[in-house]
């Protein structure tokens, strides 16, 4: 059954392609789109980190209890050349610290967990479409069984560029919620709710 072309809503008969037309379509159609995140802009000149947390930033990775085991954030590594988010050629580091009190009652932050994403590790977290901020990452750090429920935490993001320069974000402070107090208390005591 021959294919037919539809031009301006009219059926024009059997579709025939010339060799130059076929080559032009193959050459144009086989290339990756310009905004393809697999190719996206890799920037060696990152100078700033911008991060956003949604209103419901806490993530529950364990269906057995309702309490969060991680969080979600959108991260932009800002390029000096474009002043927009770009994919980095260095390592993204996310640090989670929990507030504690020292012997005198002063607040201090103890390290809880560090996530490190080399370019290949960060690849699956690249956004699929460019926003007005540029290209970014959607990260879902999971702290597992770390003891942070009900505590104030500090989230820091740093970026180690390919040339070794370290870029730091401003710290973000949040209190981790406890949604299921029975499950929380049971986990702390080692019993089942």
N, C-alpha and C. Protein backbone atom coordinates (compact mmCIF):
# COMPACT_ATOMS: atom_id res chain seq x y z
N UNK A 1 0.86 -1.18 0.00
CA UNK A 1 0.00 0.00 0.00
C UNK A 1 0.89 1.23 0.00
N UNK A 2 0.81 2.06 -1.04
CA UNK A 2 1.69 3.23 -1.12
C UNK A 2 1.27 4.29 -0.09
N UNK A 3 2.30 5.01 0.44
CA UNK A 3 2.03 6.12 1.37
C UNK A 3 1.54 7.30 0.55
N UNK A 4 0.69 8.12 1.14
CA UNK A 4 0.23 9.32 0.44
C UNK A 4 0.60 10.54 1.27
N UNK A 5 0.86 11.62 0.59
CA UNK A 5 1.19 12.87 1.27
C UNK A 5 -0.06 13.71 1.41
N UNK A 6 -0.13 14.46 2.47
CA UNK A 6 -1.22 15.40 2.69
C UNK A 6 -0.63 16.79 2.73
N UNK A 7 -0.92 17.59 1.74
CA UNK A 7 -0.41 18.95 1.69
C UNK A 7 -1.61 19.88 1.75
N UNK A 8 -1.60 20.75 2.75
CA UNK A 8 -2.69 21.69 2.98
C UNK A 8 -4.03 20.97 3.02
N UNK A 9 -4.05 19.82 3.66
CA UNK A 9 -5.30 19.10 3.84
C UNK A 9 -5.75 18.29 2.64
N UNK A 10 -4.99 18.31 1.54
CA UNK A 10 -5.37 17.56 0.35
C UNK A 10 -4.49 16.34 0.20
N UNK A 11 -5.10 15.30 -0.23
CA UNK A 11 -4.36 14.08 -0.53
C UNK A 11 -3.75 14.23 -1.91
N UNK A 12 -2.43 14.00 -2.00
CA UNK A 12 -1.75 14.28 -3.26
C UNK A 12 -1.30 13.05 -4.02
N UNK A 13 -1.62 11.86 -3.52
CA UNK A 13 -1.21 10.66 -4.23
C UNK A 13 0.00 10.02 -3.59
N UNK A 14 0.60 9.07 -4.29
CA UNK A 14 1.72 8.34 -3.71
C UNK A 14 2.85 9.30 -3.33
N UNK A 15 3.44 9.03 -2.17
CA UNK A 15 4.52 9.86 -1.65
C UNK A 15 5.84 9.37 -2.24
N UNK A 16 6.53 10.26 -2.87
CA UNK A 16 7.82 9.93 -3.46
C UNK A 16 8.84 10.91 -2.93
N UNK A 17 9.97 10.37 -2.54
CA UNK A 17 11.03 11.21 -1.97
C UNK A 17 12.23 11.19 -2.90
N UNK A 18 12.84 12.32 -3.07
CA UNK A 18 14.09 12.36 -3.85
C UNK A 18 15.25 12.03 -2.92
N UNK A 19 16.34 11.58 -3.49
CA UNK A 19 17.51 11.23 -2.69
C UNK A 19 18.03 12.41 -1.86
N UNK A 20 18.15 13.63 -2.42
CA UNK A 20 18.63 14.75 -1.60
C UNK A 20 17.67 15.07 -0.44
N UNK A 21 16.37 14.94 -0.68
CA UNK A 21 15.41 15.21 0.39
C UNK A 21 15.57 14.20 1.51
N UNK A 22 15.72 12.93 1.17
CA UNK A 22 15.90 11.88 2.18
C UNK A 22 17.17 12.13 2.99
N UNK A 23 18.27 12.47 2.30
CA UNK A 23 19.52 12.72 3.00
C UNK A 23 19.39 13.92 3.94
N UNK A 24 18.73 14.97 3.50
CA UNK A 24 18.55 16.16 4.33
C UNK A 24 17.72 15.83 5.56
N UNK A 25 16.63 15.07 5.41
CA UNK A 25 15.80 14.71 6.55
C UNK A 25 16.54 13.81 7.52
N UNK A 26 17.32 12.86 7.02
CA UNK A 26 18.07 11.97 7.89
C UNK A 26 19.12 12.77 8.65
N UNK A 27 19.83 13.66 7.96
CA UNK A 27 20.88 14.45 8.61
C UNK A 27 20.30 15.34 9.70
N UNK A 28 19.16 15.94 9.45
CA UNK A 28 18.54 16.83 10.44
C UNK A 28 17.85 16.01 11.53
N UNK A 29 17.15 14.96 11.16
CA UNK A 29 16.36 14.21 12.13
C UNK A 29 17.14 13.31 13.04
N UNK A 30 18.31 12.87 12.65
CA UNK A 30 19.06 11.94 13.48
C UNK A 30 19.91 12.62 14.53
N UNK A 31 20.13 13.92 14.39
CA UNK A 31 20.90 14.63 15.40
C UNK A 31 20.07 14.82 16.65
N UNK A 32 20.74 14.92 17.79
CA UNK A 32 20.03 15.15 19.05
C UNK A 32 19.51 16.59 19.08
N UNK A 33 18.35 16.81 19.69
CA UNK A 33 17.85 18.17 19.79
C UNK A 33 18.85 19.04 20.55
N UNK A 34 18.79 20.35 20.32
CA UNK A 34 19.74 21.26 20.96
C UNK A 34 19.59 21.27 22.47
N UNK A 35 18.40 21.03 22.98
CA UNK A 35 18.20 21.04 24.42
C UNK A 35 18.24 19.64 25.01
N UNK A 36 18.88 18.71 24.31
CA UNK A 36 18.99 17.34 24.79
C UNK A 36 19.85 17.31 26.05
N UNK A 37 19.28 16.92 27.21
CA UNK A 37 20.04 16.93 28.45
C UNK A 37 21.20 15.95 28.45
N UNK A 38 21.19 14.98 27.53
CA UNK A 38 22.32 14.07 27.47
C UNK A 38 23.53 14.77 26.90
N UNK A 39 23.30 15.81 26.12
CA UNK A 39 24.42 16.53 25.52
C UNK A 39 24.63 17.84 26.26
N UNK A 40 23.56 18.50 26.72
CA UNK A 40 23.55 19.77 27.42
C UNK A 40 24.88 20.48 27.61
N UNK A 41 24.82 21.73 27.96
CA UNK A 41 26.05 22.50 28.14
C UNK A 41 26.82 22.08 29.38
N UNK A 42 28.06 21.69 29.20
CA UNK A 42 28.96 21.39 30.33
C UNK A 42 29.80 22.63 30.55
N UNK A 43 29.76 23.16 31.76
CA UNK A 43 30.44 24.42 32.03
C UNK A 43 31.58 24.24 33.02
N UNK A 44 32.79 24.63 32.63
CA UNK A 44 33.92 24.56 33.56
C UNK A 44 34.01 25.80 34.45
N UNK A 45 33.15 26.81 34.20
CA UNK A 45 33.27 28.10 34.88
C UNK A 45 32.16 28.36 35.91
N UNK A 46 31.71 27.32 36.60
CA UNK A 46 30.65 27.47 37.61
C UNK A 46 31.17 28.41 38.70
N UNK A 47 30.35 29.42 39.07
CA UNK A 47 30.78 30.35 40.11
C UNK A 47 29.78 30.50 41.25
N UNK A 48 28.58 29.92 41.08
CA UNK A 48 27.55 30.06 42.10
C UNK A 48 26.63 28.85 42.07
N UNK A 49 26.05 28.54 43.25
CA UNK A 49 25.07 27.46 43.38
C UNK A 49 23.76 28.07 43.84
N UNK A 50 22.67 27.73 43.16
CA UNK A 50 21.33 28.15 43.58
C UNK A 50 20.52 26.89 43.79
N UNK A 51 19.87 26.79 44.95
CA UNK A 51 19.07 25.60 45.24
C UNK A 51 17.68 26.02 45.70
N UNK A 52 16.72 25.19 45.33
CA UNK A 52 15.32 25.41 45.69
C UNK A 52 14.77 24.14 46.32
N UNK A 53 13.95 24.33 47.35
CA UNK A 53 13.28 23.21 48.01
C UNK A 53 11.78 23.42 47.85
N UNK A 54 11.04 22.42 47.37
CA UNK A 54 9.59 22.58 47.27
C UNK A 54 8.97 22.63 48.67
N UNK A 55 7.74 23.12 48.75
CA UNK A 55 7.05 23.21 50.04
C UNK A 55 6.98 21.85 50.71
N UNK A 56 6.76 20.81 49.94
CA UNK A 56 6.74 19.45 50.48
C UNK A 56 8.05 18.75 50.10
N UNK A 57 9.14 19.21 50.69
CA UNK A 57 10.47 18.74 50.31
C UNK A 57 10.82 17.37 50.87
N UNK A 58 10.14 16.92 51.91
CA UNK A 58 10.49 15.66 52.58
C UNK A 58 10.00 14.48 51.78
N UNK A 59 10.84 13.45 51.66
CA UNK A 59 10.52 12.27 50.86
C UNK A 59 10.52 11.02 51.74
N UNK A 60 9.52 10.18 51.50
CA UNK A 60 9.37 8.92 52.22
C UNK A 60 9.76 7.80 51.27
N UNK A 61 10.90 7.18 51.50
CA UNK A 61 11.39 6.10 50.65
C UNK A 61 11.00 4.72 51.19
N UNK A 62 10.46 4.68 52.41
CA UNK A 62 10.12 3.41 53.06
C UNK A 62 8.61 3.32 53.22
N UNK A 63 7.93 2.46 52.46
CA UNK A 63 6.47 2.38 52.56
C UNK A 63 5.99 1.82 53.90
N UNK A 64 6.89 1.24 54.69
CA UNK A 64 6.49 0.66 55.98
C UNK A 64 6.21 1.72 57.04
N UNK A 65 6.78 2.92 56.89
CA UNK A 65 6.44 3.99 57.84
C UNK A 65 6.30 5.31 57.10
N UNK A 66 5.56 6.22 57.69
CA UNK A 66 5.21 7.48 57.02
C UNK A 66 6.26 8.57 57.23
N UNK A 67 7.24 8.33 58.07
CA UNK A 67 8.23 9.37 58.36
C UNK A 67 9.22 9.51 57.20
N UNK A 68 9.71 10.74 57.01
CA UNK A 68 10.63 10.95 55.88
C UNK A 68 11.99 10.29 56.11
N UNK A 69 12.60 9.88 55.00
CA UNK A 69 13.96 9.34 55.01
C UNK A 69 14.87 10.13 54.07
N UNK A 70 14.40 11.27 53.61
CA UNK A 70 15.19 12.08 52.70
C UNK A 70 14.46 13.33 52.30
N UNK A 71 15.02 14.01 51.32
CA UNK A 71 14.43 15.26 50.85
C UNK A 71 14.65 15.41 49.36
N UNK A 72 14.05 16.45 48.82
CA UNK A 72 14.12 16.74 47.38
C UNK A 72 14.57 18.17 47.22
N UNK A 73 15.39 18.42 46.21
CA UNK A 73 15.77 19.80 45.89
C UNK A 73 16.12 19.93 44.43
N UNK A 74 15.95 21.14 43.93
CA UNK A 74 16.38 21.48 42.58
C UNK A 74 17.63 22.33 42.72
N UNK A 75 18.64 21.99 41.94
CA UNK A 75 19.95 22.60 42.08
C UNK A 75 20.40 23.16 40.73
N UNK A 76 20.87 24.41 40.75
CA UNK A 76 21.42 25.03 39.54
C UNK A 76 22.86 25.41 39.81
N UNK A 77 23.76 24.96 38.93
CA UNK A 77 25.15 25.37 38.96
C UNK A 77 25.27 26.50 37.94
N UNK A 78 25.54 27.71 38.41
CA UNK A 78 25.48 28.89 37.55
C UNK A 78 26.83 29.11 36.85
N UNK A 79 26.76 29.19 35.53
CA UNK A 79 27.93 29.40 34.69
C UNK A 79 28.28 30.88 34.62
N UNK A 80 29.56 31.19 34.70
CA UNK A 80 30.00 32.58 34.58
C UNK A 80 29.79 33.14 33.18
N UNK A 81 29.82 32.28 32.20
CA UNK A 81 29.67 32.72 30.80
C UNK A 81 28.22 33.11 30.49
N UNK A 82 27.26 32.32 30.98
CA UNK A 82 25.86 32.54 30.61
C UNK A 82 25.02 33.12 31.76
N UNK A 83 25.53 33.07 32.99
CA UNK A 83 24.80 33.48 34.18
C UNK A 83 23.50 32.69 34.33
N UNK A 84 23.52 31.45 33.83
CA UNK A 84 22.38 30.53 33.94
C UNK A 84 22.90 29.17 34.38
N UNK A 85 21.96 28.32 34.79
CA UNK A 85 22.31 26.97 35.20
C UNK A 85 22.90 26.18 34.05
N UNK A 86 23.93 25.40 34.36
CA UNK A 86 24.57 24.54 33.36
C UNK A 86 24.96 23.23 34.05
N UNK A 87 25.20 22.21 33.28
CA UNK A 87 25.68 20.95 33.84
C UNK A 87 27.17 21.09 34.11
N UNK A 88 27.58 20.62 35.27
CA UNK A 88 28.96 20.79 35.66
C UNK A 88 29.85 19.63 35.28
N UNK A 89 31.14 19.94 35.14
CA UNK A 89 32.12 18.90 34.85
C UNK A 89 32.90 18.50 36.11
N UNK A 90 32.40 18.95 37.27
CA UNK A 90 33.04 18.63 38.55
C UNK A 90 32.12 17.77 39.41
N UNK A 91 32.33 17.81 40.73
CA UNK A 91 31.61 16.96 41.66
C UNK A 91 30.69 17.78 42.56
N UNK A 92 29.42 17.38 42.62
CA UNK A 92 28.44 17.99 43.51
C UNK A 92 28.48 17.24 44.84
N UNK A 93 28.55 17.99 45.93
CA UNK A 93 28.52 17.37 47.26
C UNK A 93 27.38 17.99 48.06
N UNK A 94 26.55 17.14 48.67
CA UNK A 94 25.45 17.59 49.52
C UNK A 94 25.74 17.07 50.92
N UNK A 95 25.79 17.99 51.88
CA UNK A 95 26.09 17.62 53.27
C UNK A 95 24.88 17.90 54.15
N UNK A 96 24.55 16.93 55.00
CA UNK A 96 23.46 17.06 55.97
C UNK A 96 24.08 17.04 57.36
N UNK A 97 23.78 18.06 58.15
CA UNK A 97 24.23 18.17 59.54
C UNK A 97 23.01 18.30 60.43
N UNK A 98 23.05 17.70 61.62
CA UNK A 98 21.95 17.80 62.58
C UNK A 98 22.40 18.65 63.76
N UNK A 99 21.48 19.49 64.24
CA UNK A 99 21.76 20.35 65.39
C UNK A 99 21.79 19.52 66.67
N UNK A 100 22.79 19.79 67.49
CA UNK A 100 22.90 19.19 68.82
C UNK A 100 23.29 20.31 69.78
N UNK A 101 23.38 20.00 71.04
CA UNK A 101 23.82 20.97 72.05
C UNK A 101 25.09 20.46 72.71
N UNK A 102 26.04 21.36 72.93
CA UNK A 102 27.25 20.95 73.64
C UNK A 102 26.99 21.01 75.14
N UNK A 103 28.02 20.75 75.95
CA UNK A 103 27.87 20.69 77.41
C UNK A 103 27.37 22.00 78.00
N UNK A 104 27.69 23.12 77.37
CA UNK A 104 27.24 24.43 77.85
C UNK A 104 25.88 24.83 77.27
N UNK A 105 25.28 23.95 76.45
CA UNK A 105 23.97 24.22 75.88
C UNK A 105 24.00 25.00 74.58
N UNK A 106 25.19 25.23 74.03
CA UNK A 106 25.30 25.96 72.76
C UNK A 106 24.99 25.02 71.60
N UNK A 107 24.28 25.56 70.62
CA UNK A 107 23.93 24.76 69.44
C UNK A 107 25.16 24.56 68.56
N UNK A 108 25.33 23.34 68.09
CA UNK A 108 26.36 23.03 67.10
C UNK A 108 25.78 22.02 66.13
N UNK A 109 26.41 21.87 64.99
CA UNK A 109 25.93 20.96 63.95
C UNK A 109 26.92 19.83 63.75
N UNK A 110 26.41 18.62 63.87
CA UNK A 110 27.22 17.41 63.68
C UNK A 110 26.95 16.84 62.29
N UNK A 111 28.00 16.40 61.58
CA UNK A 111 27.76 15.79 60.26
C UNK A 111 26.96 14.50 60.38
N UNK A 112 25.99 14.34 59.48
CA UNK A 112 25.14 13.15 59.46
C UNK A 112 25.41 12.32 58.21
N UNK A 113 25.43 12.98 57.06
CA UNK A 113 25.54 12.24 55.80
C UNK A 113 26.10 13.17 54.73
N UNK A 114 26.91 12.58 53.82
CA UNK A 114 27.39 13.31 52.64
C UNK A 114 27.08 12.48 51.41
N UNK A 115 26.49 13.15 50.43
CA UNK A 115 26.26 12.54 49.13
C UNK A 115 27.20 13.21 48.15
N UNK A 116 27.83 12.45 47.31
CA UNK A 116 28.77 12.99 46.34
C UNK A 116 28.40 12.49 44.95
N UNK A 117 28.32 13.43 44.01
CA UNK A 117 27.89 13.10 42.64
C UNK A 117 28.94 13.59 41.65
N UNK A 118 29.77 12.68 41.16
CA UNK A 118 30.66 12.99 40.05
C UNK A 118 29.78 13.19 38.81
N UNK A 119 30.30 13.76 37.72
CA UNK A 119 29.44 14.00 36.56
C UNK A 119 28.64 12.77 36.10
N UNK A 120 29.25 11.61 36.09
CA UNK A 120 28.53 10.40 35.66
C UNK A 120 27.44 10.02 36.67
N UNK A 121 27.70 10.24 37.97
CA UNK A 121 26.70 9.93 39.00
C UNK A 121 25.54 10.92 38.98
N UNK A 122 25.82 12.17 38.60
CA UNK A 122 24.79 13.21 38.56
C UNK A 122 23.95 13.14 37.29
N UNK A 123 24.44 12.44 36.30
CA UNK A 123 23.76 12.39 35.00
C UNK A 123 22.28 12.01 35.10
N UNK A 124 21.89 10.96 35.87
CA UNK A 124 20.47 10.59 35.92
C UNK A 124 19.58 11.65 36.59
N UNK A 125 20.20 12.60 37.28
CA UNK A 125 19.43 13.62 38.00
C UNK A 125 19.32 14.93 37.22
N UNK A 126 19.82 14.95 35.99
CA UNK A 126 19.69 16.15 35.17
C UNK A 126 18.22 16.37 34.81
N UNK A 127 17.81 17.65 34.81
CA UNK A 127 16.44 17.94 34.38
C UNK A 127 16.33 17.68 32.89
N UNK A 128 15.13 17.39 32.45
CA UNK A 128 14.91 17.04 31.05
C UNK A 128 14.65 18.25 30.16
N UNK A 129 14.24 19.36 30.78
CA UNK A 129 13.96 20.57 30.01
C UNK A 129 14.61 21.77 30.68
N UNK A 130 15.08 22.68 29.88
CA UNK A 130 15.69 23.89 30.38
C UNK A 130 14.61 24.82 30.93
N UNK A 131 14.86 25.47 32.06
CA UNK A 131 13.92 26.44 32.64
C UNK A 131 14.48 27.84 32.43
N UNK A 132 13.78 28.84 32.95
CA UNK A 132 14.30 30.21 32.85
C UNK A 132 15.60 30.36 33.62
N UNK A 133 15.83 29.47 34.58
CA UNK A 133 17.09 29.49 35.35
C UNK A 133 18.21 28.78 34.60
N UNK A 134 17.88 28.06 33.55
CA UNK A 134 18.89 27.30 32.81
C UNK A 134 18.70 25.81 33.03
N UNK A 135 19.81 25.07 32.94
CA UNK A 135 19.81 23.63 33.16
C UNK A 135 20.11 23.35 34.61
N UNK A 136 19.49 22.31 35.16
CA UNK A 136 19.71 22.00 36.57
C UNK A 136 19.63 20.52 36.86
N UNK A 137 19.60 20.23 38.15
CA UNK A 137 19.53 18.86 38.65
C UNK A 137 18.37 18.74 39.62
N UNK A 138 17.70 17.61 39.63
CA UNK A 138 16.64 17.30 40.59
C UNK A 138 17.18 16.17 41.46
N UNK A 139 17.58 16.49 42.70
CA UNK A 139 18.21 15.51 43.58
C UNK A 139 17.24 15.03 44.65
N UNK A 140 17.40 13.76 45.05
CA UNK A 140 16.56 13.12 46.07
C UNK A 140 17.46 12.41 47.10
N UNK A 141 18.23 13.15 47.89
CA UNK A 141 19.10 12.49 48.87
C UNK A 141 18.30 11.70 49.92
N UNK A 142 18.74 10.49 50.18
CA UNK A 142 18.09 9.58 51.13
C UNK A 142 19.06 9.35 52.29
N UNK A 143 18.67 9.74 53.52
CA UNK A 143 19.58 9.58 54.65
C UNK A 143 19.43 8.24 55.35
N UNK A 144 18.51 7.39 54.87
CA UNK A 144 18.37 6.05 55.44
C UNK A 144 17.91 6.09 56.88
N UNK A 145 18.65 5.44 57.76
CA UNK A 145 18.24 5.34 59.16
C UNK A 145 18.94 6.36 60.06
N UNK A 146 19.49 7.43 59.50
CA UNK A 146 20.14 8.46 60.32
C UNK A 146 19.11 9.07 61.28
N UNK A 147 19.55 9.43 62.46
CA UNK A 147 18.67 9.94 63.52
C UNK A 147 18.49 11.45 63.38
N UNK A 148 17.59 11.86 62.48
CA UNK A 148 17.35 13.29 62.28
C UNK A 148 15.88 13.69 62.43
N UNK A 149 14.98 12.73 62.64
CA UNK A 149 13.56 13.06 62.76
C UNK A 149 13.34 13.99 63.95
N UNK A 150 12.59 15.07 63.71
CA UNK A 150 12.29 16.04 64.75
C UNK A 150 13.42 17.00 65.05
N UNK A 151 14.54 16.89 64.34
CA UNK A 151 15.70 17.73 64.61
C UNK A 151 15.84 18.82 63.55
N UNK A 152 16.48 19.89 63.97
CA UNK A 152 16.86 20.92 63.01
C UNK A 152 18.07 20.40 62.25
N UNK A 153 18.04 20.57 60.92
CA UNK A 153 19.17 20.15 60.09
C UNK A 153 19.67 21.31 59.27
N UNK A 154 20.92 21.22 58.88
CA UNK A 154 21.53 22.20 57.97
C UNK A 154 21.94 21.44 56.72
N UNK A 155 21.54 21.96 55.57
CA UNK A 155 21.87 21.35 54.28
C UNK A 155 22.82 22.30 53.55
N UNK A 156 24.00 21.81 53.25
CA UNK A 156 24.99 22.57 52.49
C UNK A 156 25.25 21.86 51.18
N UNK A 157 25.42 22.64 50.13
CA UNK A 157 25.81 22.07 48.84
C UNK A 157 27.11 22.75 48.44
N UNK A 158 28.06 21.94 48.01
CA UNK A 158 29.30 22.48 47.46
C UNK A 158 29.54 21.82 46.10
N UNK A 159 30.34 22.50 45.33
CA UNK A 159 30.67 22.01 44.01
C UNK A 159 32.17 22.13 43.82
N UNK A 160 32.82 21.02 43.51
CA UNK A 160 34.26 21.01 43.28
C UNK A 160 34.47 21.01 41.77
N UNK A 161 34.92 22.14 41.25
CA UNK A 161 35.11 22.27 39.81
C UNK A 161 36.26 21.39 39.33
N UNK A 162 36.32 21.21 38.04
CA UNK A 162 37.39 20.42 37.43
C UNK A 162 38.77 20.96 37.75
N UNK A 163 38.88 22.30 37.95
CA UNK A 163 40.18 22.90 38.26
C UNK A 163 40.48 22.88 39.76
N UNK A 164 39.59 22.26 40.56
CA UNK A 164 39.82 22.13 42.00
C UNK A 164 39.19 23.21 42.85
N UNK A 165 38.72 24.29 42.26
CA UNK A 165 38.10 25.36 43.03
C UNK A 165 36.77 24.87 43.62
N UNK A 166 36.53 25.20 44.90
CA UNK A 166 35.31 24.76 45.58
C UNK A 166 34.34 25.94 45.68
N UNK A 167 33.11 25.71 45.22
CA UNK A 167 32.04 26.71 45.29
C UNK A 167 31.06 26.23 46.36
N UNK A 168 30.66 27.11 47.27
CA UNK A 168 29.74 26.76 48.36
C UNK A 168 28.40 27.47 48.17
N UNK A 169 27.32 26.77 48.54
CA UNK A 169 26.01 27.42 48.58
C UNK A 169 25.82 28.00 49.98
N UNK A 170 24.81 28.82 50.11
CA UNK A 170 24.42 29.26 51.45
C UNK A 170 23.74 28.08 52.13
N UNK A 171 23.92 27.94 53.43
CA UNK A 171 23.26 26.82 54.11
C UNK A 171 21.75 27.02 54.19
N UNK A 172 21.04 25.92 54.19
CA UNK A 172 19.58 25.92 54.36
C UNK A 172 19.28 25.20 55.67
N UNK A 173 18.42 25.80 56.49
CA UNK A 173 18.05 25.23 57.78
C UNK A 173 16.59 24.83 57.75
N UNK A 174 16.29 23.61 58.17
CA UNK A 174 14.92 23.10 58.25
C UNK A 174 14.82 22.18 59.46
N UNK A 175 13.59 21.97 59.92
CA UNK A 175 13.34 20.98 60.95
C UNK A 175 12.64 19.79 60.30
N UNK A 176 13.20 18.61 60.48
CA UNK A 176 12.66 17.40 59.87
C UNK A 176 11.39 17.01 60.63
N UNK A 177 10.28 16.85 59.93
CA UNK A 177 9.03 16.51 60.61
C UNK A 177 8.96 15.05 61.05
N UNK A 178 8.09 14.80 62.03
CA UNK A 178 7.75 13.44 62.43
C UNK A 178 6.27 13.29 62.11
N UNK A 179 5.95 12.46 61.14
CA UNK A 179 4.55 12.26 60.73
C UNK A 179 3.88 11.13 61.50
N UNK A 180 4.65 10.13 61.88
CA UNK A 180 4.10 8.97 62.57
C UNK A 180 4.87 8.77 63.87
N UNK A 181 4.35 9.35 64.96
CA UNK A 181 5.05 9.32 66.24
C UNK A 181 5.21 7.89 66.76
N UNK A 182 4.21 7.03 66.57
CA UNK A 182 4.31 5.65 67.04
C UNK A 182 5.46 4.91 66.36
N UNK A 183 5.56 5.07 65.04
CA UNK A 183 6.65 4.40 64.31
C UNK A 183 8.00 4.98 64.72
N UNK A 184 8.05 6.28 64.96
CA UNK A 184 9.29 6.93 65.39
C UNK A 184 9.74 6.39 66.74
N UNK A 185 8.83 6.34 67.70
CA UNK A 185 9.17 5.86 69.04
C UNK A 185 9.53 4.38 69.02
N UNK A 186 8.83 3.59 68.21
CA UNK A 186 9.12 2.17 68.09
C UNK A 186 10.53 1.96 67.50
N UNK A 187 10.87 2.75 66.51
CA UNK A 187 12.20 2.62 65.88
C UNK A 187 13.30 3.00 66.88
N UNK A 188 13.04 3.99 67.71
CA UNK A 188 14.04 4.41 68.71
C UNK A 188 14.21 3.37 69.80
N UNK A 189 13.11 2.66 70.13
CA UNK A 189 13.19 1.66 71.21
C UNK A 189 13.52 0.27 70.69
N UNK A 190 13.46 0.08 69.36
CA UNK A 190 13.76 -1.22 68.77
C UNK A 190 12.58 -2.19 68.81
N UNK A 191 11.37 -1.67 68.99
CA UNK A 191 10.16 -2.54 69.01
C UNK A 191 9.30 -2.20 67.82
N UNK A 192 8.34 -3.04 67.56
CA UNK A 192 7.38 -2.82 66.48
C UNK A 192 6.20 -1.99 67.01
N UNK A 193 5.63 -1.09 66.20
CA UNK A 193 4.48 -0.30 66.67
C UNK A 193 3.24 -1.14 66.85
